[in-house]
Amino acid sequence: MKIIVDHTSMQPIYEQIVEQIKKQILQGTLQEGAPLDSVRMLAKDLKVSALTVKKAYDALEEEQLIATVHGKGSFVLGVNPSLLAEDTVVTAVVTGAVVFEETCSNVPPKSSTPSSPPCIRNSP
């Protein structure tokens, strides 16, 4: 697992670790079921506190990207499809290829386009 920590960055180190591991999971570099380095090993490799790595792993576990089994280690979980969708939308926004999609009770899904009028909802 390749992680680069920038000690001069204003971004907290644990967030840098989370961001890079999350990116590797979403890109498929880290496959489902793959073991992550132990907290102590990664801390030693990155020359950071074990508490910093533990905080990063806890954040990844909260996002349901990894699971930690006491005495066994941390493992990559299956990627949540909504995370892939979020990643795709963010990428689309960055590249300028945003696809507009809107659903209303009186309009079928995927009927709105950037040039069509917005949904009109009847007031009660």
N, C-alpha and C. Protein backbone atom coordinates (compact mmCIF):
# COMPACT_ATOMS: atom_id res chain seq x y z
N MET A 1 0.86 -1.17 0.00
CA MET A 1 0.00 0.00 0.00
C MET A 1 0.90 1.23 0.00
N LYS A 2 0.73 2.05 -1.01
CA LYS A 2 1.59 3.23 -1.15
C LYS A 2 0.83 4.47 -0.65
N ILE A 3 1.40 5.10 0.36
CA ILE A 3 0.82 6.32 0.92
C ILE A 3 1.94 7.32 1.11
N ILE A 4 1.69 8.55 0.69
CA ILE A 4 2.68 9.62 0.84
C ILE A 4 2.08 10.68 1.76
N VAL A 5 2.79 10.99 2.83
CA VAL A 5 2.33 11.99 3.78
C VAL A 5 3.15 13.26 3.60
N ASP A 6 2.45 14.38 3.50
CA ASP A 6 3.09 15.69 3.38
C ASP A 6 3.02 16.37 4.75
N HIS A 7 4.15 16.36 5.46
CA HIS A 7 4.19 16.93 6.81
C HIS A 7 4.08 18.45 6.80
N THR A 8 4.24 19.07 5.63
CA THR A 8 4.16 20.53 5.55
C THR A 8 2.75 21.00 5.18
N SER A 9 1.88 20.05 4.86
CA SER A 9 0.52 20.39 4.45
C SER A 9 -0.31 20.88 5.63
N MET A 10 -1.29 21.72 5.32
CA MET A 10 -2.21 22.19 6.36
C MET A 10 -3.28 21.13 6.65
N GLN A 11 -3.42 20.15 5.75
CA GLN A 11 -4.38 19.08 5.95
C GLN A 11 -3.83 18.10 7.00
N PRO A 12 -4.63 17.74 8.00
CA PRO A 12 -4.16 16.80 9.02
C PRO A 12 -3.67 15.49 8.39
N ILE A 13 -2.66 14.89 9.01
CA ILE A 13 -2.05 13.68 8.46
C ILE A 13 -3.07 12.54 8.36
N TYR A 14 -3.93 12.39 9.37
CA TYR A 14 -4.88 11.29 9.31
C TYR A 14 -5.83 11.47 8.11
N GLU A 15 -6.19 12.70 7.78
CA GLU A 15 -7.05 12.95 6.62
C GLU A 15 -6.31 12.62 5.32
N GLN A 16 -5.02 12.88 5.27
CA GLN A 16 -4.23 12.52 4.09
C GLN A 16 -4.24 11.01 3.90
N ILE A 17 -4.10 10.29 5.01
CA ILE A 17 -4.10 8.82 4.95
C ILE A 17 -5.47 8.32 4.49
N VAL A 18 -6.54 8.85 5.09
CA VAL A 18 -7.90 8.45 4.71
C VAL A 18 -8.13 8.69 3.23
N GLU A 19 -7.79 9.88 2.78
CA GLU A 19 -8.01 10.26 1.38
C GLU A 19 -7.31 9.31 0.42
N GLN A 20 -6.06 8.97 0.73
CA GLN A 20 -5.29 8.11 -0.18
C GLN A 20 -5.77 6.67 -0.17
N ILE A 21 -6.12 6.14 1.01
CA ILE A 21 -6.63 4.77 1.07
C ILE A 21 -7.99 4.70 0.38
N LYS A 22 -8.84 5.68 0.64
CA LYS A 22 -10.16 5.73 0.02
C LYS A 22 -10.02 5.75 -1.51
N LYS A 23 -9.11 6.56 -2.01
CA LYS A 23 -8.89 6.65 -3.45
C LYS A 23 -8.45 5.29 -4.01
N GLN A 24 -7.55 4.61 -3.30
CA GLN A 24 -7.08 3.30 -3.76
C GLN A 24 -8.20 2.27 -3.76
N ILE A 25 -9.11 2.36 -2.80
CA ILE A 25 -10.24 1.42 -2.74
C ILE A 25 -11.20 1.71 -3.89
N LEU A 26 -11.54 2.98 -4.10
CA LEU A 26 -12.50 3.34 -5.15
C LEU A 26 -11.96 3.07 -6.55
N GLN A 27 -10.64 3.19 -6.72
CA GLN A 27 -10.03 2.92 -8.03
C GLN A 27 -9.79 1.44 -8.26
N GLY A 28 -9.96 0.63 -7.22
CA GLY A 28 -9.77 -0.81 -7.35
C GLY A 28 -8.35 -1.27 -7.12
N THR A 29 -7.46 -0.36 -6.73
CA THR A 29 -6.08 -0.74 -6.41
C THR A 29 -6.08 -1.66 -5.19
N LEU A 30 -6.93 -1.34 -4.23
CA LEU A 30 -7.14 -2.20 -3.06
C LEU A 30 -8.45 -2.93 -3.27
N GLN A 31 -8.39 -4.23 -3.43
CA GLN A 31 -9.57 -5.06 -3.72
C GLN A 31 -10.31 -5.44 -2.45
N GLU A 32 -11.58 -5.80 -2.61
CA GLU A 32 -12.39 -6.28 -1.49
C GLU A 32 -11.70 -7.47 -0.81
N GLY A 33 -11.62 -7.42 0.50
CA GLY A 33 -11.01 -8.50 1.26
C GLY A 33 -9.51 -8.34 1.47
N ALA A 34 -8.90 -7.38 0.80
CA ALA A 34 -7.46 -7.17 0.92
C ALA A 34 -7.13 -6.67 2.33
N PRO A 35 -6.09 -7.23 2.93
CA PRO A 35 -5.69 -6.75 4.26
C PRO A 35 -4.93 -5.43 4.15
N LEU A 36 -5.17 -4.54 5.09
CA LEU A 36 -4.40 -3.30 5.18
C LEU A 36 -3.22 -3.55 6.11
N ASP A 37 -2.20 -2.72 5.99
CA ASP A 37 -1.08 -2.82 6.91
C ASP A 37 -1.59 -2.62 8.33
N SER A 38 -0.92 -3.24 9.29
CA SER A 38 -1.31 -3.04 10.68
C SER A 38 -1.09 -1.57 11.05
N VAL A 39 -1.79 -1.12 12.08
CA VAL A 39 -1.66 0.26 12.53
C VAL A 39 -0.20 0.56 12.86
N ARG A 40 0.43 -0.32 13.59
CA ARG A 40 1.83 -0.10 14.00
C ARG A 40 2.77 -0.09 12.80
N MET A 41 2.57 -1.02 11.88
CA MET A 41 3.46 -1.10 10.72
C MET A 41 3.34 0.16 9.85
N LEU A 42 2.10 0.59 9.58
CA LEU A 42 1.91 1.77 8.75
C LEU A 42 2.45 3.02 9.45
N ALA A 43 2.23 3.09 10.76
CA ALA A 43 2.76 4.23 11.51
C ALA A 43 4.28 4.28 11.43
N LYS A 44 4.91 3.13 11.55
CA LYS A 44 6.37 3.07 11.46
C LYS A 44 6.85 3.46 10.06
N ASP A 45 6.18 2.94 9.02
CA ASP A 45 6.56 3.24 7.64
C ASP A 45 6.41 4.73 7.31
N LEU A 46 5.34 5.34 7.84
CA LEU A 46 5.07 6.75 7.55
C LEU A 46 5.75 7.71 8.53
N LYS A 47 6.33 7.12 9.57
CA LYS A 47 6.98 7.92 10.62
C LYS A 47 5.98 8.89 11.28
N VAL A 48 4.81 8.31 11.63
CA VAL A 48 3.78 9.06 12.34
C VAL A 48 3.34 8.24 13.54
N SER A 49 2.55 8.84 14.40
CA SER A 49 2.04 8.17 15.58
C SER A 49 1.05 7.07 15.19
N ALA A 50 1.06 5.99 15.96
CA ALA A 50 0.08 4.92 15.75
C ALA A 50 -1.33 5.45 15.98
N LEU A 51 -1.49 6.42 16.86
CA LEU A 51 -2.81 7.01 17.10
C LEU A 51 -3.33 7.72 15.85
N THR A 52 -2.44 8.31 15.07
CA THR A 52 -2.82 8.98 13.83
C THR A 52 -3.37 7.96 12.83
N VAL A 53 -2.68 6.85 12.69
CA VAL A 53 -3.12 5.80 11.76
C VAL A 53 -4.43 5.19 12.27
N LYS A 54 -4.53 4.98 13.57
CA LYS A 54 -5.76 4.42 14.17
C LYS A 54 -6.94 5.34 13.88
N LYS A 55 -6.73 6.65 13.99
CA LYS A 55 -7.79 7.62 13.71
C LYS A 55 -8.21 7.54 12.24
N ALA A 56 -7.25 7.37 11.34
CA ALA A 56 -7.55 7.23 9.91
C ALA A 56 -8.35 5.95 9.66
N TYR A 57 -7.92 4.84 10.24
CA TYR A 57 -8.63 3.57 10.07
C TYR A 57 -10.04 3.67 10.65
N ASP A 58 -10.19 4.34 11.78
CA ASP A 58 -11.52 4.51 12.39
C ASP A 58 -12.43 5.30 11.44
N ALA A 59 -11.89 6.34 10.81
CA ALA A 59 -12.67 7.15 9.87
C ALA A 59 -13.09 6.31 8.65
N LEU A 60 -12.18 5.47 8.15
CA LEU A 60 -12.49 4.60 7.02
C LEU A 60 -13.53 3.55 7.40
N GLU A 61 -13.45 3.08 8.64
CA GLU A 61 -14.43 2.11 9.12
C GLU A 61 -15.81 2.77 9.26
N GLU A 62 -15.82 4.01 9.70
CA GLU A 62 -17.08 4.75 9.83
C GLU A 62 -17.73 4.95 8.46
N GLU A 63 -16.92 5.11 7.43
CA GLU A 63 -17.43 5.26 6.06
C GLU A 63 -17.74 3.90 5.43
N GLN A 64 -17.56 2.84 6.20
CA GLN A 64 -17.83 1.46 5.77
C GLN A 64 -16.99 1.05 4.57
N LEU A 65 -15.75 1.55 4.53
CA LEU A 65 -14.81 1.15 3.48
C LEU A 65 -13.92 0.02 3.95
N ILE A 66 -13.69 -0.06 5.26
CA ILE A 66 -12.87 -1.13 5.82
C ILE A 66 -13.57 -1.70 7.06
N ALA A 67 -13.15 -2.87 7.46
CA ALA A 67 -13.63 -3.49 8.69
C ALA A 67 -12.40 -3.94 9.47
N THR A 68 -12.43 -3.73 10.77
CA THR A 68 -11.32 -4.15 11.62
C THR A 68 -11.79 -5.28 12.51
N VAL A 69 -11.02 -6.36 12.50
CA VAL A 69 -11.30 -7.52 13.34
C VAL A 69 -10.21 -7.57 14.39
N HIS A 70 -10.61 -7.44 15.66
CA HIS A 70 -9.64 -7.41 16.74
C HIS A 70 -8.75 -8.66 16.70
N GLY A 71 -7.46 -8.44 16.69
CA GLY A 71 -6.50 -9.54 16.67
C GLY A 71 -6.19 -10.07 15.28
N LYS A 72 -6.93 -9.63 14.27
CA LYS A 72 -6.73 -10.11 12.90
C LYS A 72 -6.25 -9.01 11.96
N GLY A 73 -6.76 -7.79 12.14
CA GLY A 73 -6.35 -6.69 11.29
C GLY A 73 -7.53 -5.99 10.64
N SER A 74 -7.21 -5.13 9.69
CA SER A 74 -8.22 -4.35 8.96
C SER A 74 -8.25 -4.82 7.52
N PHE A 75 -9.47 -4.91 6.98
CA PHE A 75 -9.66 -5.45 5.64
C PHE A 75 -10.59 -4.55 4.85
N VAL A 76 -10.37 -4.50 3.54
CA VAL A 76 -11.19 -3.70 2.64
C VAL A 76 -12.55 -4.37 2.48
N LEU A 77 -13.62 -3.58 2.61
CA LEU A 77 -14.97 -4.07 2.38
C LEU A 77 -15.34 -3.82 0.92
N GLY A 78 -16.45 -4.38 0.49
CA GLY A 78 -16.95 -4.09 -0.85
C GLY A 78 -17.28 -2.62 -0.96
N VAL A 79 -17.08 -2.05 -2.11
CA VAL A 79 -17.32 -0.62 -2.31
C VAL A 79 -18.81 -0.37 -2.37
N ASN A 80 -19.27 0.59 -1.59
CA ASN A 80 -20.65 1.01 -1.57
C ASN A 80 -20.95 1.70 -2.91
N PRO A 81 -21.95 1.24 -3.66
CA PRO A 81 -22.25 1.85 -4.97
C PRO A 81 -22.51 3.36 -4.89
N SER A 82 -23.06 3.82 -3.78
CA SER A 82 -23.31 5.26 -3.66
C SER A 82 -22.00 6.04 -3.60
N LEU A 83 -20.95 5.44 -3.03
CA LEU A 83 -19.65 6.10 -3.01
C LEU A 83 -19.08 6.20 -4.41
N LEU A 84 -19.27 5.15 -5.20
CA LEU A 84 -18.80 5.21 -6.58
C LEU A 84 -19.56 6.28 -7.34
N ALA A 85 -20.86 6.39 -7.09
CA ALA A 85 -21.67 7.42 -7.74
C ALA A 85 -21.19 8.81 -7.33
N GLU A 86 -20.91 9.00 -6.02
CA GLU A 86 -20.41 10.29 -5.55
C GLU A 86 -19.08 10.61 -6.22
N ASP A 87 -18.20 9.61 -6.29
CA ASP A 87 -16.89 9.81 -6.91
C ASP A 87 -17.06 10.18 -8.37
N THR A 88 -18.01 9.55 -9.07
CA THR A 88 -18.26 9.85 -10.48
C THR A 88 -18.79 11.26 -10.64
N VAL A 89 -19.71 11.67 -9.78
CA VAL A 89 -20.27 13.02 -9.87
C VAL A 89 -19.18 14.05 -9.63
N VAL A 90 -18.34 13.83 -8.62
CA VAL A 90 -17.25 14.76 -8.33
C VAL A 90 -16.31 14.84 -9.53
N THR A 91 -15.97 13.71 -10.12
CA THR A 91 -15.11 13.70 -11.29
C THR A 91 -15.77 14.44 -12.44
N ALA A 92 -17.07 14.21 -12.63
CA ALA A 92 -17.79 14.88 -13.71
C ALA A 92 -17.79 16.39 -13.50
N VAL A 93 -17.97 16.83 -12.28
CA VAL A 93 -17.98 18.26 -11.99
C VAL A 93 -16.60 18.85 -12.26
N VAL A 94 -15.56 18.15 -11.86
CA VAL A 94 -14.20 18.64 -12.07
C VAL A 94 -13.87 18.73 -13.55
N THR A 95 -14.32 17.75 -14.33
CA THR A 95 -14.02 17.76 -15.76
C THR A 95 -15.01 18.58 -16.56
N GLY A 96 -16.10 19.02 -15.92
CA GLY A 96 -17.09 19.83 -16.60
C GLY A 96 -18.13 19.02 -17.35
N ALA A 97 -18.14 17.73 -17.15
CA ALA A 97 -19.10 16.87 -17.84
C ALA A 97 -20.24 16.50 -16.89
N VAL A 98 -20.94 17.48 -16.41
CA VAL A 98 -22.02 17.23 -15.46
C VAL A 98 -23.27 16.81 -16.20
N VAL A 99 -23.89 15.76 -15.73
CA VAL A 99 -25.13 15.27 -16.30
C VAL A 99 -26.24 15.63 -15.32
N PHE A 100 -27.25 16.33 -15.81
CA PHE A 100 -28.34 16.75 -14.96
C PHE A 100 -29.43 15.69 -15.00
N GLU A 101 -29.91 15.35 -13.82
CA GLU A 101 -30.97 14.37 -13.72
C GLU A 101 -31.90 14.81 -12.61
N GLU A 102 -33.17 14.81 -12.86
CA GLU A 102 -34.12 15.29 -11.89
C GLU A 102 -35.35 14.40 -11.91
N THR A 103 -35.90 14.15 -10.75
CA THR A 103 -37.11 13.35 -10.67
C THR A 103 -38.14 14.11 -9.86
N CYS A 104 -39.32 14.23 -10.39
CA CYS A 104 -40.42 14.88 -9.69
C CYS A 104 -41.63 13.96 -9.79
N SER A 105 -42.61 14.20 -8.95
CA SER A 105 -43.80 13.36 -8.95
C SER A 105 -44.58 13.47 -10.26
N ASN A 106 -44.50 14.60 -10.94
CA ASN A 106 -45.27 14.76 -12.17
C ASN A 106 -44.42 14.64 -13.44
N VAL A 107 -43.16 14.28 -13.30
CA VAL A 107 -42.27 14.15 -14.45
C VAL A 107 -41.54 12.82 -14.33
N PRO A 108 -41.50 11.99 -15.37
CA PRO A 108 -40.78 10.72 -15.29
C PRO A 108 -39.28 10.94 -15.09
N PRO A 109 -38.58 9.99 -14.47
CA PRO A 109 -37.14 10.11 -14.24
C PRO A 109 -36.37 10.33 -15.54
N LYS A 110 -35.26 11.05 -15.42
CA LYS A 110 -34.33 11.32 -16.51
C LYS A 110 -34.96 12.13 -17.65
N SER A 111 -36.05 12.86 -17.36
CA SER A 111 -36.67 13.62 -18.43
C SER A 111 -36.13 15.04 -18.50
N SER A 112 -35.50 15.50 -17.43
CA SER A 112 -35.00 16.87 -17.42
C SER A 112 -33.59 16.92 -17.98
N THR A 113 -33.33 17.93 -18.73
CA THR A 113 -32.00 18.19 -19.25
C THR A 113 -31.65 19.61 -18.89
N PRO A 114 -30.38 20.01 -19.03
CA PRO A 114 -30.01 21.37 -18.68
C PRO A 114 -30.85 22.43 -19.40
N SER A 115 -31.37 22.12 -20.60
CA SER A 115 -32.12 23.13 -21.34
C SER A 115 -33.62 23.07 -21.09
N SER A 116 -34.11 22.02 -20.44
CA SER A 116 -35.55 21.91 -20.21
C SER A 116 -35.95 22.68 -18.95
N PRO A 117 -37.22 23.03 -18.85
CA PRO A 117 -37.67 23.79 -17.68
C PRO A 117 -37.62 22.91 -16.43
N PRO A 118 -37.51 23.53 -15.26
CA PRO A 118 -37.47 22.76 -14.03
C PRO A 118 -38.81 22.11 -13.76
N CYS A 119 -38.84 21.13 -12.86
CA CYS A 119 -40.08 20.47 -12.49
C CYS A 119 -41.03 21.47 -11.86
N ILE A 120 -42.29 21.30 -12.16
CA ILE A 120 -43.30 22.17 -11.55
C ILE A 120 -44.11 21.31 -10.60
N ARG A 121 -44.13 21.68 -9.36
CA ARG A 121 -44.87 20.92 -8.36
C ARG A 121 -46.15 21.65 -8.02
N ASN A 122 -47.23 20.92 -7.97
CA ASN A 122 -48.51 21.52 -7.61
C ASN A 122 -48.53 21.79 -6.11
N SER A 123 -48.96 22.96 -5.73
CA SER A 123 -49.07 23.29 -4.32
C SER A 123 -50.34 22.69 -3.75
N PRO A 124 -50.33 22.26 -2.48
CA PRO A 124 -51.54 21.68 -1.88
C PRO A 124 -52.62 22.70 -1.66
